[in-house]
């Protein structure tokens, strides 16, 4: 999965739940803050499917908190 597609899905999930997705930065990973929970996304143009599913699952857990 392309990184930008993953970030769009993350943004869509957060907007649907009415939660803010904030880009914090980072060196080796992009860090996003959702309800005080940090979600790390690697800075590669391609993210493996298994890792993308794990990241989206983390986003869903962060939204519920």
N, C-alpha and C. Protein backbone atom coordinates (compact mmCIF):
# COMPACT_ATOMS: atom_id res chain seq x y z
N UNK A 1 0.85 -1.17 0.00
CA UNK A 1 0.00 0.00 0.00
C UNK A 1 0.89 1.23 0.00
N UNK A 2 0.51 2.22 -0.75
CA UNK A 2 1.24 3.48 -0.77
C UNK A 2 1.04 4.19 0.57
N UNK A 3 2.09 4.86 1.00
CA UNK A 3 2.05 5.56 2.29
C UNK A 3 0.97 6.64 2.29
N UNK A 4 0.85 7.36 1.21
CA UNK A 4 -0.14 8.44 1.18
C UNK A 4 -1.56 7.88 1.22
N UNK A 5 -1.79 6.68 0.64
CA UNK A 5 -3.11 6.05 0.72
C UNK A 5 -3.41 5.64 2.17
N UNK A 6 -2.39 5.13 2.86
CA UNK A 6 -2.55 4.76 4.26
C UNK A 6 -2.89 5.99 5.10
N UNK A 7 -2.20 7.09 4.86
CA UNK A 7 -2.46 8.31 5.61
C UNK A 7 -3.86 8.85 5.32
N UNK A 8 -4.33 8.70 4.08
CA UNK A 8 -5.69 9.13 3.74
C UNK A 8 -6.72 8.28 4.48
N UNK A 9 -6.48 6.97 4.57
CA UNK A 9 -7.39 6.10 5.30
C UNK A 9 -7.41 6.46 6.78
N UNK A 10 -6.24 6.76 7.32
CA UNK A 10 -6.16 7.17 8.72
C UNK A 10 -6.97 8.44 8.94
N UNK A 11 -6.80 9.41 8.05
CA UNK A 11 -7.52 10.67 8.15
C UNK A 11 -9.03 10.46 8.02
N UNK A 12 -9.44 9.60 7.10
CA UNK A 12 -10.85 9.31 6.90
C UNK A 12 -11.46 8.68 8.16
N UNK A 13 -10.75 7.73 8.77
CA UNK A 13 -11.24 7.10 10.00
C UNK A 13 -11.40 8.12 11.12
N UNK A 14 -10.42 9.01 11.24
CA UNK A 14 -10.48 10.01 12.30
C UNK A 14 -11.59 11.02 12.06
N UNK A 15 -11.75 11.45 10.84
CA UNK A 15 -12.82 12.42 10.54
C UNK A 15 -14.19 11.81 10.77
N UNK A 16 -14.36 10.53 10.40
CA UNK A 16 -15.64 9.86 10.59
C UNK A 16 -15.98 9.76 12.07
N UNK A 17 -14.96 9.63 12.92
CA UNK A 17 -15.18 9.52 14.35
C UNK A 17 -15.20 10.89 15.04
N UNK A 18 -14.88 11.95 14.31
CA UNK A 18 -14.85 13.29 14.88
C UNK A 18 -13.64 13.53 15.77
N UNK A 19 -12.52 12.88 15.43
CA UNK A 19 -11.29 12.97 16.21
C UNK A 19 -10.23 13.64 15.36
N UNK A 20 -9.36 14.42 16.00
CA UNK A 20 -8.30 15.12 15.28
C UNK A 20 -7.10 14.20 15.07
N UNK A 21 -6.56 14.20 13.87
CA UNK A 21 -5.33 13.48 13.53
C UNK A 21 -4.25 14.53 13.36
N UNK A 22 -3.27 14.53 14.26
CA UNK A 22 -2.23 15.55 14.25
C UNK A 22 -0.89 14.92 13.90
N UNK A 23 -0.22 15.48 12.88
CA UNK A 23 1.12 15.04 12.48
C UNK A 23 2.13 15.70 13.42
N UNK A 24 2.94 14.87 14.08
CA UNK A 24 3.87 15.38 15.08
C UNK A 24 5.28 15.49 14.50
N UNK A 25 5.64 14.65 13.55
CA UNK A 25 6.98 14.69 12.98
C UNK A 25 7.69 13.39 13.24
N UNK A 26 8.98 13.46 13.41
CA UNK A 26 9.77 12.27 13.68
C UNK A 26 10.96 12.20 12.74
N UNK A 27 11.89 11.31 13.01
CA UNK A 27 13.08 11.19 12.17
C UNK A 27 12.98 9.99 11.25
N UNK A 28 12.86 8.80 11.80
CA UNK A 28 12.78 7.60 10.97
C UNK A 28 11.34 7.21 10.66
N UNK A 29 10.41 7.69 11.47
CA UNK A 29 9.00 7.41 11.27
C UNK A 29 8.23 8.72 11.38
N UNK A 30 7.11 8.80 10.65
CA UNK A 30 6.18 9.90 10.87
C UNK A 30 5.32 9.52 12.05
N UNK A 31 5.12 10.45 12.95
CA UNK A 31 4.34 10.18 14.15
C UNK A 31 3.05 10.98 14.08
N UNK A 32 1.96 10.31 14.38
CA UNK A 32 0.65 10.94 14.39
C UNK A 32 0.06 10.78 15.78
N UNK A 33 -0.58 11.83 16.28
CA UNK A 33 -1.21 11.79 17.60
C UNK A 33 -2.71 11.75 17.41
N UNK A 34 -3.32 10.76 18.05
CA UNK A 34 -4.77 10.61 18.04
C UNK A 34 -5.19 10.38 19.49
N UNK A 35 -5.94 11.30 20.04
CA UNK A 35 -6.40 11.17 21.44
C UNK A 35 -5.26 10.80 22.39
N UNK A 36 -4.17 11.50 22.33
CA UNK A 36 -2.99 11.30 23.18
C UNK A 36 -2.26 9.98 22.92
N UNK A 37 -2.62 9.26 21.89
CA UNK A 37 -1.94 8.02 21.52
C UNK A 37 -1.09 8.29 20.29
N UNK A 38 0.17 7.86 20.32
CA UNK A 38 1.07 8.05 19.18
C UNK A 38 1.01 6.83 18.27
N UNK A 39 0.85 7.07 16.98
CA UNK A 39 0.86 6.01 15.97
C UNK A 39 2.02 6.32 15.04
N UNK A 40 2.91 5.34 14.86
CA UNK A 40 4.09 5.51 14.01
C UNK A 40 3.84 4.91 12.64
N UNK A 41 4.27 5.66 11.60
CA UNK A 41 4.18 5.20 10.22
C UNK A 41 5.57 5.34 9.61
N UNK A 42 6.11 4.26 9.03
CA UNK A 42 7.45 4.36 8.44
C UNK A 42 7.48 5.34 7.28
N UNK A 43 8.62 5.92 7.03
CA UNK A 43 8.77 6.92 5.97
C UNK A 43 9.11 6.32 4.62
N UNK A 44 8.61 5.14 4.32
CA UNK A 44 8.82 4.51 3.03
C UNK A 44 7.65 4.87 2.12
N UNK A 45 7.88 4.86 0.82
CA UNK A 45 6.77 5.14 -0.10
C UNK A 45 5.79 3.98 -0.14
N UNK A 46 6.28 2.76 0.08
CA UNK A 46 5.44 1.57 0.13
C UNK A 46 5.46 1.01 1.54
N UNK A 47 4.27 0.69 2.05
CA UNK A 47 4.14 0.07 3.36
C UNK A 47 3.51 -1.30 3.12
N UNK A 48 4.09 -2.34 3.72
CA UNK A 48 3.57 -3.69 3.54
C UNK A 48 2.11 -3.80 3.99
N UNK A 49 1.38 -4.72 3.38
CA UNK A 49 -0.04 -4.87 3.68
C UNK A 49 -0.28 -5.25 5.14
N UNK A 50 0.53 -6.16 5.68
CA UNK A 50 0.34 -6.58 7.07
C UNK A 50 0.60 -5.41 8.03
N UNK A 51 1.64 -4.64 7.76
CA UNK A 51 1.95 -3.48 8.60
C UNK A 51 0.86 -2.42 8.47
N UNK A 52 0.33 -2.22 7.26
CA UNK A 52 -0.74 -1.24 7.05
C UNK A 52 -1.98 -1.63 7.85
N UNK A 53 -2.33 -2.93 7.84
CA UNK A 53 -3.48 -3.40 8.63
C UNK A 53 -3.25 -3.16 10.11
N UNK A 54 -2.02 -3.40 10.59
CA UNK A 54 -1.69 -3.19 12.00
C UNK A 54 -1.80 -1.72 12.38
N UNK A 55 -1.31 -0.84 11.51
CA UNK A 55 -1.38 0.60 11.77
C UNK A 55 -2.84 1.06 11.82
N UNK A 56 -3.66 0.59 10.88
CA UNK A 56 -5.08 0.98 10.87
C UNK A 56 -5.80 0.44 12.11
N UNK A 57 -5.40 -0.75 12.57
CA UNK A 57 -5.99 -1.30 13.80
C UNK A 57 -5.59 -0.45 15.00
N UNK A 58 -4.33 0.03 15.02
CA UNK A 58 -3.88 0.92 16.08
C UNK A 58 -4.67 2.23 16.07
N UNK A 59 -4.94 2.74 14.87
CA UNK A 59 -5.72 3.98 14.74
C UNK A 59 -7.12 3.77 15.30
N UNK A 60 -7.74 2.65 14.97
CA UNK A 60 -9.09 2.37 15.47
C UNK A 60 -9.10 2.26 16.99
N UNK A 61 -8.07 1.63 17.57
CA UNK A 61 -7.98 1.54 19.04
C UNK A 61 -7.79 2.92 19.66
N UNK A 62 -6.98 3.77 19.02
CA UNK A 62 -6.72 5.12 19.54
C UNK A 62 -8.01 5.96 19.48
N UNK A 63 -8.81 5.77 18.47
CA UNK A 63 -10.07 6.52 18.34
C UNK A 63 -11.02 6.16 19.46
N UNK A 64 -11.04 4.89 19.85
CA UNK A 64 -11.99 4.44 20.88
C UNK A 64 -11.61 4.91 22.27
N UNK A 65 -10.37 5.32 22.49
CA UNK A 65 -9.95 5.77 23.83
C UNK A 65 -10.44 7.15 24.14
